[in-house]
Protein backbone atom coordinates (compact mmCIF):
# COMPACT_ATOMS: atom_id res chain seq x y z
CA UNK A 1 0.22 -0.18 -0.02
CA UNK A 2 2.83 2.40 1.01
CA UNK A 3 4.64 1.39 -2.36
CA UNK A 4 1.81 1.88 -4.49
CA UNK A 5 1.16 6.00 -2.57
CA UNK A 6 5.05 6.41 -2.99
CA UNK A 7 4.55 5.24 -6.86
CA UNK A 8 1.02 7.92 -7.30
CA UNK A 9 2.67 10.79 -5.58
CA UNK A 10 6.35 10.33 -7.97
CA UNK A 11 4.42 9.98 -11.05
CA UNK A 12 2.25 13.29 -10.04
CA UNK A 13 5.28 15.11 -9.90
CA UNK A 14 3.93 17.78 -7.79
CA UNK A 15 5.24 17.73 -4.35
CA UNK A 16 3.38 21.13 -3.10
CA UNK A 17 0.13 19.62 -4.10
CA UNK A 18 1.18 16.35 -1.81
CA UNK A 19 2.45 18.23 1.11
CA UNK A 20 -1.00 20.29 1.49
CA UNK A 21 -3.12 17.24 1.08
CA UNK A 22 -1.02 15.25 3.98
CA UNK A 23 -0.86 18.57 6.00
CA UNK A 24 -4.40 18.84 6.36
CA UNK A 25 -4.77 15.20 7.31
CA UNK A 26 -2.31 15.42 9.97
CA UNK A 27 -4.29 18.92 11.37
CA UNK A 28 -7.73 17.04 10.98
CA UNK A 29 -6.10 13.91 13.09
CA UNK A 30 -4.68 16.63 15.59
CA UNK A 31 -7.69 18.24 15.80
CA UNK A 32 -10.11 15.43 16.20
CA UNK A 33 -8.07 14.13 18.62
CA UNK A 34 -8.38 17.59 20.70
CA UNK A 35 -11.79 17.62 20.32
CA UNK A 36 -12.63 13.72 21.60
CA UNK A 37 -10.26 14.43 24.54
CA UNK A 38 -12.31 17.95 25.65
CA UNK A 39 -16.03 16.29 24.67
CA UNK A 40 -14.50 13.40 27.18
CA UNK A 41 -13.85 15.70 29.80
CA UNK A 42 -16.92 17.77 29.71
CA UNK A 43 -19.37 14.59 29.78
CA UNK A 44 -17.70 13.38 33.05
CA UNK A 45 -17.47 9.42 31.80
CA UNK A 46 -16.74 7.45 34.81
CA UNK A 47 -14.85 5.07 32.11
CA UNK A 48 -12.49 7.26 30.71
CA UNK A 49 -9.43 7.08 32.63
CA UNK A 50 -6.43 8.11 29.88
CA UNK A 51 -2.73 7.51 30.78
CA UNK A 52 -2.38 11.05 29.65
CA UNK A 53 -4.34 13.46 31.22
CA UNK A 54 -4.50 17.25 29.81
CA UNK A 55 -6.84 20.14 31.42
CA UNK A 56 -10.35 20.81 28.99
CA UNK A 57 -9.48 24.20 27.79
CA UNK A 58 -6.19 22.99 26.49
CA UNK A 59 -7.93 20.42 24.44
CA UNK A 60 -10.84 22.96 23.28
CA UNK A 61 -7.87 25.07 22.44
CA UNK A 62 -5.91 22.31 20.38
CA UNK A 63 -9.08 21.57 18.76
CA UNK A 64 -10.12 25.30 17.44
CA UNK A 65 -6.45 26.15 16.58
CA UNK A 66 -6.41 23.26 14.39
CA UNK A 67 -9.05 24.25 12.67
CA UNK A 68 -8.45 27.54 11.93
CA UNK A 69 -4.73 26.65 11.07
CA UNK A 70 -6.60 24.40 8.07
CA UNK A 71 -8.25 27.19 6.86
CA UNK A 72 -5.73 29.73 6.96
CA UNK A 73 -3.70 27.16 4.86
CA UNK A 74 -6.29 26.01 2.34
CA UNK A 75 -10.16 26.20 2.96
CA UNK A 76 -10.61 23.96 -0.10
CA UNK A 77 -8.50 21.21 1.32
CA UNK A 78 -9.61 21.38 4.72
CA UNK A 79 -13.21 21.00 3.53
CA UNK A 80 -12.16 17.84 1.98
CA UNK A 81 -10.04 16.93 4.69
CA UNK A 82 -13.27 16.68 7.09
CA UNK A 83 -15.69 15.20 4.38
CA UNK A 84 -13.01 12.61 3.86
CA UNK A 85 -12.40 11.70 7.48
CA UNK A 86 -16.48 11.90 8.30
CA UNK A 87 -16.26 9.48 5.37
CA UNK A 88 -13.87 7.07 6.56
CA UNK A 89 -15.35 7.72 9.81
CA UNK A 90 -18.87 6.13 8.36
CA UNK A 91 -17.02 3.70 6.53
CA UNK A 92 -15.66 1.92 9.69
CA UNK A 93 -19.05 1.80 11.21
CA UNK A 94 -20.60 -0.03 8.19
CA UNK A 95 -17.54 -2.34 8.81
CA UNK A 96 -18.41 -2.92 12.33
CA UNK A 97 -21.94 -3.30 11.95
CA UNK A 98 -24.51 -2.69 14.11
CA UNK A 99 -22.40 -2.47 17.44
CA UNK A 100 -21.75 0.72 19.66
CA UNK A 101 -21.19 4.09 18.43
CA UNK A 102 -18.65 5.42 20.43
CA UNK A 103 -18.66 8.66 19.14
CA UNK A 104 -22.53 8.94 19.85
CA UNK A 105 -22.18 7.84 23.19
CA UNK A 106 -19.98 10.75 24.03
CA UNK A 107 -22.78 13.03 22.64
CA UNK A 108 -24.96 11.60 24.74
CA UNK A 109 -22.65 12.00 27.60
CA UNK A 110 -22.28 15.62 26.86
CA UNK A 111 -25.90 16.24 26.32
CA UNK A 112 -26.54 14.18 29.59
CA UNK A 113 -24.25 17.02 31.78
CA UNK A 114 -25.75 19.64 30.26
CA UNK A 115 -29.34 18.62 31.14
CA UNK A 116 -27.86 17.91 34.68
CA UNK A 117 -26.40 21.38 35.13
CA UNK A 118 -29.75 23.08 34.12
CA UNK A 119 -32.05 21.35 36.34
CA UNK A 120 -29.30 22.25 39.16
CA UNK A 121 -29.41 25.61 38.29
CA UNK A 122 -33.15 25.69 37.62
CA UNK A 123 -33.78 24.42 41.32
CA UNK A 124 -31.31 26.38 43.05
CA UNK A 125 -32.55 29.39 41.04
CA UNK A 126 -33.99 31.72 43.70
CA UNK A 127 -35.32 34.60 41.68
CA UNK A 128 -39.14 34.91 42.00
CA UNK A 129 -40.57 33.08 38.94
CA UNK A 130 -42.41 36.18 36.50
CA UNK A 131 -45.66 35.21 35.76
CA UNK A 132 -45.80 37.04 32.49
CA UNK A 133 -43.01 34.86 31.39
CA UNK A 134 -45.35 31.53 31.82
CA UNK A 135 -44.90 28.51 29.39
CA UNK A 136 -46.56 25.45 28.86
CA UNK A 137 -44.83 22.24 31.34
CA UNK A 138 -47.91 19.92 30.74
CA UNK A 139 -47.77 16.61 32.30
CA UNK A 140 -50.29 13.94 31.55
CA UNK A 141 -51.10 10.36 32.81
CA UNK A 142 -53.45 8.39 30.50
CA UNK A 143 -53.92 4.70 30.88
CA UNK A 144 -55.77 4.65 26.83
CA UNK A 145 -52.29 5.67 25.04
CA UNK A 146 -52.70 2.97 22.28
CA UNK A 147 -56.44 3.54 21.67
CA UNK A 148 -56.74 7.64 20.27
CA UNK A 149 -53.84 9.80 19.09
CA UNK A 150 -55.88 12.76 19.39
CA UNK A 151 -54.45 13.63 23.24
CA UNK A 152 -50.93 13.01 21.96
CA UNK A 153 -50.94 15.37 18.83
CA UNK A 154 -53.03 18.12 20.97
CA UNK A 155 -50.36 18.04 23.88
CA UNK A 156 -47.30 18.32 21.00
CA UNK A 157 -49.43 21.56 19.43
CA UNK A 158 -49.18 23.00 23.42
CA UNK A 159 -45.67 22.10 23.48
CA UNK A 160 -44.11 22.45 19.79
CA UNK A 161 -42.06 25.71 20.44
CA UNK A 162 -43.10 27.49 23.74
CA UNK A 163 -42.93 24.40 26.29
CA UNK A 164 -42.25 21.00 27.30
CA UNK A 165 -44.82 17.81 27.65
CA UNK A 166 -44.38 14.95 29.66
CA UNK A 167 -46.58 12.49 28.90
CA UNK A 168 -47.00 9.04 30.79
CA UNK A 169 -48.76 5.74 30.25
CA UNK A 170 -50.45 4.93 32.82
CA UNK A 171 -50.19 0.63 33.91
CA UNK A 172 -52.51 -0.47 36.24
CA UNK A 173 -51.10 -3.15 38.94
CA UNK A 174 -48.36 -3.33 41.78
CA UNK A 175 -44.79 -2.87 40.90
CA UNK A 176 -43.14 -6.16 40.30
CA UNK A 177 -40.92 -7.69 38.07
CA UNK A 178 -43.30 -8.64 35.62
CA UNK A 179 -45.31 -5.77 35.22
CA UNK A 180 -42.23 -3.70 35.10
CA UNK A 181 -41.00 -6.00 32.28
CA UNK A 182 -44.33 -5.19 30.42
CA UNK A 183 -43.97 -1.35 31.18
CA UNK A 184 -40.48 -1.04 29.49
CA UNK A 185 -42.02 -3.10 26.90
CA UNK A 186 -44.84 -0.55 26.01
CA UNK A 187 -42.38 2.36 26.47
CA UNK A 188 -40.06 1.23 23.42
CA UNK A 189 -43.83 1.19 21.78
CA UNK A 190 -44.79 4.44 23.34
CA UNK A 191 -41.73 6.18 22.27
CA UNK A 192 -42.24 4.94 18.52
CA UNK A 193 -46.01 6.18 18.63
CA UNK A 194 -44.59 9.58 19.99
CA UNK A 195 -41.75 10.25 16.94
CA UNK A 196 -43.91 12.32 14.95
CA UNK A 197 -44.70 14.23 17.55
CA UNK A 198 -42.17 17.01 19.25
CA UNK A 199 -41.87 18.60 22.38
CA UNK A 200 -42.87 15.37 24.44
CA UNK A 201 -41.20 12.76 26.79
CA UNK A 202 -42.91 10.02 26.93
CA UNK A 203 -42.70 7.37 29.97
CA UNK A 204 -44.68 4.58 31.70
CA UNK A 205 -45.71 4.21 35.43
CA UNK A 206 -46.65 1.29 37.10
CA UNK A 207 -49.19 2.25 40.04
CA UNK A 208 -52.77 0.73 41.93
CA UNK A 209 -54.57 3.12 40.83
CA UNK A 210 -54.96 6.49 38.41
CA UNK A 211 -55.10 8.53 41.62
CA UNK A 212 -52.16 7.08 43.18
CA UNK A 213 -50.41 7.16 39.32
CA UNK A 214 -51.39 11.00 39.64
CA UNK A 215 -50.64 11.55 43.07
CA UNK A 216 -46.81 9.98 42.18
CA UNK A 217 -46.14 12.38 39.11
CA UNK A 218 -47.76 15.56 39.92
CA UNK A 219 -45.19 15.65 43.32
CA UNK A 220 -41.84 15.81 40.95
CA UNK A 221 -41.42 17.87 38.74
CA UNK A 222 -40.82 16.89 34.51
CA UNK A 223 -37.84 15.81 33.32
CA UNK A 224 -36.81 19.35 31.56
CA UNK A 225 -35.85 20.81 34.99
CA UNK A 226 -39.16 22.81 35.13
CA UNK A 227 -41.95 21.94 37.35
CA UNK A 228 -44.85 20.96 35.89
CA UNK A 229 -47.67 23.68 36.07
CA UNK A 230 -50.67 22.00 34.35
CA UNK A 231 -52.12 18.59 33.77
CA UNK A 232 -53.96 17.34 30.72
CA UNK A 233 -57.18 15.00 30.89
CA UNK A 234 -58.81 13.44 27.94
CA UNK A 235 -62.42 11.88 27.35
CA UNK A 236 -63.95 11.12 23.97
CA UNK A 237 -67.34 11.89 22.85
CA UNK A 238 -67.92 8.08 22.85
CA UNK A 239 -66.49 7.45 26.49
CA UNK A 240 -69.36 6.41 28.61
CA UNK A 241 -70.40 8.35 31.71
CA UNK A 242 -68.19 6.24 34.34
CA UNK A 243 -65.38 7.02 32.30
CA UNK A 244 -66.16 10.84 32.35
CA UNK A 245 -67.21 10.81 36.03
CA UNK A 246 -63.30 8.99 36.42
CA UNK A 247 -62.25 12.10 35.05
CA UNK A 248 -64.38 14.42 37.07
CA UNK A 249 -63.03 12.85 40.03
CA UNK A 250 -59.32 13.25 38.61
CA UNK A 251 -59.58 16.94 38.13
CA UNK A 252 -61.44 17.12 41.70
CA UNK A 253 -58.36 15.37 43.07
CA UNK A 254 -55.65 17.12 41.21
CA UNK A 255 -56.81 20.39 42.26
CA UNK A 256 -54.86 20.81 45.45
CA UNK A 257 -51.77 20.73 43.81
CA UNK A 258 -52.51 24.23 42.49
CA UNK A 259 -52.06 23.51 38.87
CA UNK A 260 -53.82 24.76 35.64
CA UNK A 261 -56.19 21.91 34.37
CA UNK A 262 -57.14 21.28 30.92
CA UNK A 263 -59.64 18.57 29.72
CA UNK A 264 -59.83 17.85 25.96
CA UNK A 265 -63.14 16.40 24.63
CA UNK A 266 -62.48 14.71 21.04
CA UNK A 267 -64.44 13.29 18.61
CA UNK A 268 -64.55 11.99 15.13
CA UNK A 269 -64.01 15.68 13.89
CA UNK A 270 -60.58 15.37 15.07
CA UNK A 271 -60.10 19.10 14.31
CA UNK A 272 -61.39 19.39 10.94
CA UNK A 273 -59.21 21.85 9.03
CA UNK A 274 -58.07 23.51 12.12
CA UNK A 275 -58.79 26.76 11.07
CA UNK A 276 -61.14 28.15 13.63
CA UNK A 277 -60.78 28.53 17.08
CA UNK A 278 -63.61 30.19 19.07
CA UNK A 279 -63.56 31.27 22.57
CA UNK A 280 -66.36 31.56 24.89
CA UNK A 281 -65.86 33.67 27.78
CA UNK A 282 -68.94 33.47 30.41
CA UNK A 283 -69.43 35.90 33.14
CA UNK A 284 -67.63 33.46 35.69
CA UNK A 285 -64.80 33.08 33.61
CA UNK A 286 -62.50 36.19 34.32
CA UNK A 287 -59.51 34.03 35.79
CA UNK A 288 -59.66 31.38 32.62
CA UNK A 289 -59.55 34.35 30.55
CA UNK A 290 -55.43 34.73 30.27
CA UNK A 291 -54.82 31.21 30.15
CA UNK A 292 -57.68 30.43 27.33
CA UNK A 293 -56.01 33.41 25.09
CA UNK A 294 -52.54 32.05 25.87
CA UNK A 295 -53.33 28.47 24.62
CA UNK A 296 -55.16 29.84 21.60
CA UNK A 297 -52.29 31.81 20.63
CA UNK A 298 -49.90 28.91 21.52
CA UNK A 299 -51.49 26.82 18.68
CA UNK A 300 -51.47 29.26 16.38
CA UNK A 301 -47.57 29.11 16.46
CA UNK A 302 -48.16 25.19 15.50
CA UNK A 303 -47.60 24.72 11.36
CA UNK A 304 -50.85 22.72 11.70
CA UNK A 305 -52.99 25.83 12.98
CA UNK A 306 -50.99 28.50 11.42
CA UNK A 307 -53.54 29.72 9.09
CA UNK A 308 -56.54 29.62 11.80
CA UNK A 309 -58.51 32.45 13.12
CA UNK A 310 -59.55 33.25 16.71
CA UNK A 311 -63.06 34.49 17.58
CA UNK A 312 -63.77 35.57 20.83
CA UNK A 313 -67.10 35.54 22.61
CA UNK A 314 -67.77 37.45 26.11
CA UNK A 315 -71.52 36.39 27.14
CA UNK A 316 -73.01 37.11 29.90
CA UNK A 317 -76.72 38.53 31.47
CA UNK A 318 -77.82 41.66 30.51
CA UNK A 319 -77.61 43.30 33.86
CA UNK A 320 -73.90 42.01 33.77
CA UNK A 321 -72.86 42.74 30.39
CA UNK A 322 -71.29 46.61 30.69
CA UNK A 323 -69.33 45.10 34.00
CA UNK A 324 -68.22 42.14 31.61
CA UNK A 325 -67.34 44.52 28.95
CA UNK A 326 -65.09 46.76 30.65
CA UNK A 327 -63.13 43.89 32.79
CA UNK A 328 -62.29 42.59 29.08
CA UNK A 329 -61.41 45.79 27.48
CA UNK A 330 -59.58 46.85 30.87
CA UNK A 331 -57.77 43.27 30.28
CA UNK A 332 -57.21 44.60 26.87
CA UNK A 333 -55.86 47.77 27.58
CA UNK A 334 -53.76 46.46 30.49
CA UNK A 335 -52.14 44.01 28.17
CA UNK A 336 -53.33 40.72 29.74
CA UNK A 337 -55.39 40.08 26.63
CA UNK A 338 -53.05 40.92 23.05
CA UNK A 339 -56.16 41.50 21.00
CA UNK A 340 -57.98 44.51 19.77
CA UNK A 341 -61.79 45.57 21.20
CA UNK A 342 -63.19 44.85 18.21
CA UNK A 343 -62.25 41.20 18.15
CA UNK A 344 -64.21 40.56 20.96
CA UNK A 345 -68.30 40.23 20.67
CA UNK A 346 -70.57 40.64 23.34
CA UNK A 347 -73.69 38.80 23.80
CA UNK A 348 -76.21 38.75 26.54
CA UNK A 349 -77.92 35.68 27.80
CA UNK A 350 -79.85 35.33 30.63
CA UNK A 351 -79.81 31.52 31.59
CA UNK A 352 -77.61 28.49 31.00
CA UNK A 353 -79.98 27.08 28.57
CA UNK A 354 -79.85 30.04 26.12
CA UNK A 355 -75.89 30.38 26.71
CA UNK A 356 -76.17 26.46 25.66
CA UNK A 357 -78.10 27.18 22.84
CA UNK A 358 -76.16 30.62 21.56
CA UNK A 359 -72.25 28.11 21.91
CA UNK A 360 -74.10 25.82 19.63
CA UNK A 361 -75.83 28.47 16.83
CA UNK A 362 -72.50 30.37 16.48
CA UNK A 363 -69.62 27.33 17.15
CA UNK A 364 -71.40 24.54 16.57
CA UNK A 365 -68.58 24.34 13.00
CA UNK A 366 -65.85 25.40 15.33
CA UNK A 367 -62.65 23.19 14.61
CA UNK A 368 -62.09 23.73 18.18
CA UNK A 369 -63.74 25.49 21.28
CA UNK A 370 -62.11 26.43 24.21
CA UNK A 371 -64.22 27.23 27.33
CA UNK A 372 -63.55 27.79 30.96
CA UNK A 373 -64.76 26.38 34.36
CA UNK A 374 -64.21 26.47 38.23
CA UNK A 375 -63.99 24.16 40.72
CA UNK A 376 -67.26 24.82 42.11
CA UNK A 377 -69.19 24.57 38.64
CA UNK A 378 -67.63 21.18 38.90
CA UNK A 379 -69.11 20.40 42.10
CA UNK A 380 -72.24 21.47 40.94
CA UNK A 381 -72.51 19.86 37.84
CA UNK A 382 -70.26 17.21 38.08
CA UNK A 383 -70.28 15.07 34.91
CA UNK A 384 -72.21 17.47 32.93
CA UNK A 385 -69.63 20.03 32.90
CA UNK A 386 -68.04 18.14 30.04
CA UNK A 387 -70.60 16.76 28.37
CA UNK A 388 -73.57 19.40 28.22
CA UNK A 389 -72.48 21.06 25.13
CA UNK A 390 -73.10 18.19 22.67
CA UNK A 391 -73.23 19.45 19.54
CA UNK A 392 -69.99 21.21 19.75
CA UNK A 393 -66.83 19.01 17.80
CA UNK A 394 -63.74 19.32 19.80
CA UNK A 395 -63.85 21.27 23.17
CA UNK A 396 -61.00 22.33 25.50
CA UNK A 397 -62.36 23.04 29.06
CA UNK A 398 -59.86 25.21 30.64
CA UNK A 399 -59.22 25.56 34.74
CA UNK A 400 -56.56 28.49 35.86
CA UNK A 401 -55.28 27.89 39.31
CA UNK A 402 -52.01 30.58 38.44
CA UNK A 403 -52.59 34.29 38.25
CA UNK A 404 -51.23 34.89 34.95
CA UNK A 405 -50.25 38.13 33.29
CA UNK A 406 -49.49 39.04 29.41
CA UNK A 407 -46.74 41.74 28.80
């Protein structure tokens, strides 16, 4: 091999060309060694115990200066040398088969260290949380993951760009070796199912009941290091009353954690053309208005909803209409609702049945309707809270436990 290469070089008759080429490969080799040394230092892999140790900043300096010198000598040959090294690495990986990728393992270690550092910094930060800087950190515990895709997709829409979602598939039973093995198998299947949905971390949880699973998951922070501030539940329009009653019980149980609650009711429409979002602000929804608006605008940030329009309907009895108008317009002027007064339509209703008919008439064809609810109304109406607007398509019910501001 050496003799063949030497004959090729002699036949070219251009020693400068060979010198530049060899210099590039020397530099890219030295630079790669320094870069790997730096990354190994940073990933803090306990099994990395080199006989010759250097400081991380020396390794970083060596990698950067090698790269800089390569491009100073000849940018074209520098790019060719780097591409050649990458090609050789891929070729070597193909020859090894499906074994462990050491380079990938190094980068995984680096990401683990970054995540660890950021989580510790977030926990140790003592600064007062800004209500104006709210972003969704949503958790969902659901045992019907593989029967329906609407909850996963809706959660990914809310967490696509602005937030983070933790989805836990609930496995009922006491934790033992058999159920743990089953949960790990389901976790692999869940990861494959969730691949198209960005912004979600998925896992499984084994617990004797859904309530105990909620109690476990709501007491720990999300894997992103952020405290979960919102919990999502889901029901289908085809679910029987006991299933809805179980969701009502879960919402009541979770209210003690002072987290916002979202209940998604989905059906066969599957959000239609994703073109019309209707917000209904009742005379008791002034505490939910900010979060409802915020969620609607977060949805608009997703490519699936970027052409959607938001319509806001504020309904109240005639005697309270002016008070409702003044309150909402005041929120607009203070910046708590980022819309103009012209985008809010004020309507008068005198009772709950009239409100129900009005909602059906104006929002029966909407792709998503966002409505508020309170814990007091949930205690009074129970299952009817989430089933009474049966003529609507997809509905998101919102309860706000935090005091939120939009600036």
